[in-house]
Amino acid sequence: MANPAVAYRPNLPNLMTLCSSNYALLVRLLADKELAGEDRHFFVSDNLAYVIEIKEVTRYTSLVSMTQLASKKSAPFANLMQPTMQIRLYHDARMAEVLSSQKIRQIKPRYDYPNSQMHLPDEKLQINLFLKEWLQLCIEQGQVKVALN
């Protein structure tokens, strides 16, 4: 007789390490941007760009959004080509956590599988890993327009 599937259990130390890495990458990318409404654009290629916008700043946290911008060539598919994440930065803990992504308003630490939305059991970890890939791409290949005086 086969063993029943074992339920996924989040690995909190791994997730915390990932959130710490994402915080360091975000702080590096935002550099001197720290006020609500400020943003930074990263141009990776003619067809790929990202914008990180500061939405909210409080004493211990900041809320930022990161959006992949659609190219002009993909205008008919602009909504499909603009994935967005809302990220909370916890300055005292030096961690950044994805709060929402695409149509997931609040990402749970784990999901039963299968589920009606087809979220992975470790969806929270996967989305934070995806954020890390976006941030690393911006650091390694992104270019920022700099205003000349």
C-alpha atoms as a PDB file:
ATOM      1  CA  MET A   1       0.000   0.000   0.000  1.00  0.00           C
ATOM      2  CA  ALA A   2       1.333   3.464  -0.990  1.00  0.00           C
ATOM      3  CA  ASN A   3       2.100   6.080   1.663  1.00  0.00           C
ATOM      4  CA  PRO A   4      -0.214   9.100   1.657  1.00  0.00           C
ATOM      5  CA  ALA A   5       1.386  12.336   0.464  1.00  0.00           C
ATOM      6  CA  VAL A   6       3.201  14.253   3.174  1.00  0.00           C
ATOM      7  CA  ALA A   7       1.944  17.813   3.618  1.00  0.00           C
ATOM      8  CA  TYR A   8       4.391  20.581   2.727  1.00  0.00           C
ATOM      9  CA  ARG A   9       5.968  22.292   5.732  1.00  0.00           C
ATOM     10  CA  PRO A  10       7.567  25.693   5.110  1.00  0.00           C
ATOM     11  CA  ASN A  11      11.262  25.943   5.954  1.00  0.00           C
ATOM     12  CA  LEU A  12      11.266  29.210   7.903  1.00  0.00           C
ATOM     13  CA  PRO A  13      15.074  29.651   8.088  1.00  0.00           C
ATOM     14  CA  ASN A  14      15.351  29.321   4.287  1.00  0.00           C
ATOM     15  CA  LEU A  15      12.532  31.811   3.724  1.00  0.00           C
ATOM     16  CA  MET A  16      14.054  34.284   6.195  1.00  0.00           C
ATOM     17  CA  THR A  17      17.450  34.035   4.483  1.00  0.00           C
ATOM     18  CA  LEU A  18      15.804  34.659   1.123  1.00  0.00           C
ATOM     19  CA  CYS A  19      13.879  37.661   2.479  1.00  0.00           C
ATOM     20  CA  SER A  20      17.134  39.079   3.900  1.00  0.00           C
ATOM     21  CA  SER A  21      18.838  38.686   0.509  1.00  0.00           C
ATOM     22  CA  ASN A  22      15.921  40.387  -1.232  1.00  0.00           C
ATOM     23  CA  TYR A  23      16.078  43.279   1.245  1.00  0.00           C
ATOM     24  CA  ALA A  24      19.783  43.819   0.543  1.00  0.00           C
ATOM     25  CA  LEU A  25      19.192  43.721  -3.225  1.00  0.00           C
ATOM     26  CA  LEU A  26      16.230  46.125  -3.040  1.00  0.00           C
ATOM     27  CA  VAL A  27      18.093  48.615  -0.858  1.00  0.00           C
ATOM     28  CA  ARG A  28      20.997  48.514  -3.302  1.00  0.00           C
ATOM     29  CA  LEU A  29      18.698  49.084  -6.289  1.00  0.00           C
ATOM     30  CA  LEU A  30      16.750  51.902  -4.657  1.00  0.00           C
ATOM     31  CA  ALA A  31      19.946  53.611  -3.417  1.00  0.00           C
ATOM     32  CA  ASP A  32      18.936  57.226  -2.706  1.00  0.00           C
ATOM     33  CA  LYS A  33      15.197  56.685  -3.261  1.00  0.00           C
ATOM     34  CA  GLU A  34      13.371  56.645   0.055  1.00  0.00           C
ATOM     35  CA  LEU A  35      10.243  58.803  -0.254  1.00  0.00           C
ATOM     36  CA  ALA A  36       6.757  57.654  -1.244  1.00  0.00           C
ATOM     37  CA  GLY A  37       6.164  58.326  -4.923  1.00  0.00           C
ATOM     38  CA  GLU A  38       9.812  57.987  -5.947  1.00  0.00           C
ATOM     39  CA  ASP A  39      10.730  55.302  -8.432  1.00  0.00           C
ATOM     40  CA  ARG A  40      13.635  53.828 -10.310  1.00  0.00           C
ATOM     41  CA  HIS A  41      13.511  52.355 -13.823  1.00  0.00           C
ATOM     42  CA  PHE A  42      15.840  49.592 -15.001  1.00  0.00           C
ATOM     43  CA  PHE A  43      16.264  48.985 -18.717  1.00  0.00           C
ATOM     44  CA  VAL A  44      17.551  45.490 -19.463  1.00  0.00           C
ATOM     45  CA  SER A  45      16.885  45.523 -23.225  1.00  0.00           C
ATOM     46  CA  ASP A  46      14.635  47.210 -25.789  1.00  0.00           C
ATOM     47  CA  ASN A  47      11.884  44.776 -24.823  1.00  0.00           C
ATOM     48  CA  LEU A  48      12.463  44.396 -21.097  1.00  0.00           C
ATOM     49  CA  ALA A  49      12.340  46.995 -18.338  1.00  0.00           C
ATOM     50  CA  TYR A  50      11.377  47.093 -14.671  1.00  0.00           C
ATOM     51  CA  VAL A  51      10.183  49.847 -12.394  1.00  0.00           C
ATOM     52  CA  ILE A  52      10.411  49.828  -8.615  1.00  0.00           C
ATOM     53  CA  GLU A  53       8.135  52.406  -7.013  1.00  0.00           C
ATOM     54  CA  ILE A  54       7.958  53.363  -3.362  1.00  0.00           C
ATOM     55  CA  LYS A  55       4.280  53.324  -2.392  1.00  0.00           C
ATOM     56  CA  GLU A  56       4.435  53.938   1.356  1.00  0.00           C
ATOM     57  CA  VAL A  57       7.035  54.760   3.987  1.00  0.00           C
ATOM     58  CA  THR A  58       6.547  54.389   7.725  1.00  0.00           C
ATOM     59  CA  ARG A  59       9.011  54.422  10.596  1.00  0.00           C
ATOM     60  CA  TYR A  60       9.931  50.732  10.370  1.00  0.00           C
ATOM     61  CA  THR A  61       8.614  49.606   6.983  1.00  0.00           C
ATOM     62  CA  SER A  62       8.244  50.584   3.360  1.00  0.00           C
ATOM     63  CA  LEU A  63       5.893  49.255   0.722  1.00  0.00           C
ATOM     64  CA  VAL A  64       7.206  49.064  -2.824  1.00  0.00           C
ATOM     65  CA  SER A  65       5.867  47.695  -6.066  1.00  0.00           C
ATOM     66  CA  MET A  66       7.980  46.117  -8.763  1.00  0.00           C
ATOM     67  CA  THR A  67       6.548  45.874 -12.258  1.00  0.00           C
ATOM     68  CA  GLN A  68       7.880  44.388 -15.456  1.00  0.00           C
ATOM     69  CA  LEU A  69       7.063  46.899 -18.195  1.00  0.00           C
ATOM     70  CA  ALA A  70       5.662  45.764 -21.524  1.00  0.00           C
ATOM     71  CA  SER A  71       7.434  46.792 -24.696  1.00  0.00           C
ATOM     72  CA  LYS A  72       5.635  48.851 -27.330  1.00  0.00           C
ATOM     73  CA  LYS A  73       5.732  45.799 -29.614  1.00  0.00           C
ATOM     74  CA  SER A  74       3.548  43.858 -27.181  1.00  0.00           C
ATOM     75  CA  ALA A  75       0.890  46.591 -26.790  1.00  0.00           C
ATOM     76  CA  PRO A  76      -2.048  44.229 -27.519  1.00  0.00           C
ATOM     77  CA  PHE A  77      -0.802  41.982 -24.712  1.00  0.00           C
ATOM     78  CA  ALA A  78       0.264  44.748 -22.304  1.00  0.00           C
ATOM     79  CA  ASN A  79      -1.798  43.424 -19.372  1.00  0.00           C
ATOM     80  CA  LEU A  80      -0.307  39.953 -19.767  1.00  0.00           C
ATOM     81  CA  MET A  81       3.221  41.315 -20.034  1.00  0.00           C
ATOM     82  CA  GLN A  82       3.200  43.451 -16.900  1.00  0.00           C
ATOM     83  CA  PRO A  83       3.636  41.179 -13.899  1.00  0.00           C
ATOM     84  CA  THR A  84       3.621  43.152 -10.651  1.00  0.00           C
ATOM     85  CA  MET A  85       4.593  42.407  -7.065  1.00  0.00           C
ATOM     86  CA  GLN A  86       3.897  44.339  -3.864  1.00  0.00           C
ATOM     87  CA  ILE A  87       6.807  44.014  -1.445  1.00  0.00           C
ATOM     88  CA  ARG A  88       7.033  45.033   2.213  1.00  0.00           C
ATOM     89  CA  LEU A  89      10.487  46.040   3.463  1.00  0.00           C
ATOM     90  CA  TYR A  90      10.980  45.585   7.204  1.00  0.00           C
ATOM     91  CA  HIS A  91      13.875  47.945   7.988  1.00  0.00           C
ATOM     92  CA  ASP A  92      14.413  46.855  11.587  1.00  0.00           C
ATOM     93  CA  ALA A  93      14.647  43.155  10.589  1.00  0.00           C
ATOM     94  CA  ARG A  94      16.340  43.965   7.241  1.00  0.00           C
ATOM     95  CA  MET A  95      13.933  41.711   5.352  1.00  0.00           C
ATOM     96  CA  ALA A  96      11.727  42.105   2.262  1.00  0.00           C
ATOM     97  CA  GLU A  97       8.665  39.926   1.718  1.00  0.00           C
ATOM     98  CA  VAL A  98       6.392  39.665  -1.310  1.00  0.00           C
ATOM     99  CA  LEU A  99       2.876  40.442  -0.090  1.00  0.00           C
ATOM    100  CA  SER A 100       0.997  40.048  -3.354  1.00  0.00           C
ATOM    101  CA  SER A 101       1.768  39.020  -6.885  1.00  0.00           C
ATOM    102  CA  GLN A 102      -0.431  39.074  -9.949  1.00  0.00           C
ATOM    103  CA  LYS A 103      -3.874  37.919  -8.851  1.00  0.00           C
ATOM    104  CA  ILE A 104      -2.772  36.582  -5.472  1.00  0.00           C
ATOM    105  CA  ARG A 105      -3.706  39.315  -3.000  1.00  0.00           C
ATOM    106  CA  GLN A 106      -2.259  37.686   0.078  1.00  0.00           C
ATOM    107  CA  ILE A 107       0.246  34.877  -0.286  1.00  0.00           C
ATOM    108  CA  LYS A 108      -0.168  32.134   2.288  1.00  0.00           C
ATOM    109  CA  PRO A 109       2.871  30.364   3.768  1.00  0.00           C
ATOM    110  CA  ARG A 110       1.585  27.077   2.335  1.00  0.00           C
ATOM    111  CA  TYR A 111      -1.236  25.763   0.194  1.00  0.00           C
ATOM    112  CA  ASP A 112      -2.876  22.364   0.164  1.00  0.00           C
ATOM    113  CA  TYR A 113      -2.327  20.709  -3.173  1.00  0.00           C
ATOM    114  CA  PRO A 114      -4.155  20.349  -5.428  1.00  0.00           C
ATOM    115  CA  ASN A 115      -6.231  23.474  -4.918  1.00  0.00           C
ATOM    116  CA  SER A 116      -8.748  25.383  -7.029  1.00  0.00           C
ATOM    117  CA  GLN A 117      -6.250  28.141  -7.886  1.00  0.00           C
ATOM    118  CA  MET A 118      -3.457  25.637  -8.609  1.00  0.00           C
ATOM    119  CA  HIS A 119      -1.027  27.408  -6.291  1.00  0.00           C
ATOM    120  CA  LEU A 120       2.055  25.398  -5.445  1.00  0.00           C
ATOM    121  CA  PRO A 121       2.381  24.130  -1.871  1.00  0.00           C
ATOM    122  CA  ASP A 122       5.445  26.416  -1.512  1.00  0.00           C
ATOM    123  CA  GLU A 123       4.011  29.357  -3.504  1.00  0.00           C
ATOM    124  CA  LYS A 124       5.336  31.951  -1.010  1.00  0.00           C
ATOM    125  CA  LEU A 125       8.888  30.629  -1.349  1.00  0.00           C
ATOM    126  CA  GLN A 126       8.618  30.423  -5.152  1.00  0.00           C
ATOM    127  CA  ILE A 127       7.361  34.013  -5.502  1.00  0.00           C
ATOM    128  CA  ASN A 128      10.131  35.347  -3.241  1.00  0.00           C
ATOM    129  CA  LEU A 129      12.681  33.370  -5.311  1.00  0.00           C
ATOM    130  CA  PHE A 130      11.209  34.932  -8.449  1.00  0.00           C
ATOM    131  CA  LEU A 131      11.622  38.395  -6.901  1.00  0.00           C
ATOM    132  CA  LYS A 132      15.269  37.591  -6.200  1.00  0.00           C
ATOM    133  CA  GLU A 133      15.759  36.660  -9.874  1.00  0.00           C
ATOM    134  CA  TRP A 134      14.185  39.964 -10.976  1.00  0.00           C
ATOM    135  CA  LEU A 135      16.380  41.957  -8.582  1.00  0.00           C
ATOM    136  CA  GLN A 136      19.549  40.139  -9.665  1.00  0.00           C
ATOM    137  CA  LEU A 137      18.689  40.736 -13.323  1.00  0.00           C
ATOM    138  CA  CYS A 138      18.302  44.468 -12.645  1.00  0.00           C
ATOM    139  CA  ILE A 139      21.662  44.577 -10.856  1.00  0.00           C
ATOM    140  CA  GLU A 140      23.545  42.497 -13.422  1.00  0.00           C
ATOM    141  CA  GLN A 141      22.053  43.806 -16.663  1.00  0.00           C
ATOM    142  CA  GLY A 142      19.822  46.784 -15.892  1.00  0.00           C
ATOM    143  CA  GLN A 143      20.735  50.307 -16.817  1.00  0.00           C
ATOM    144  CA  VAL A 144      19.312  53.394 -15.172  1.00  0.00           C
ATOM    145  CA  LYS A 145      18.835  56.718 -16.920  1.00  0.00           C
ATOM    146  CA  VAL A 146      20.799  59.343 -15.031  1.00  0.00           C
ATOM    147  CA  ALA A 147      19.914  63.032 -15.277  1.00  0.00           C
ATOM    148  CA  LEU A 148      22.886  65.129 -16.354  1.00  0.00           C
ATOM    149  CA  ASN A 149      23.269  68.584 -14.789  1.00  0.00           C
END
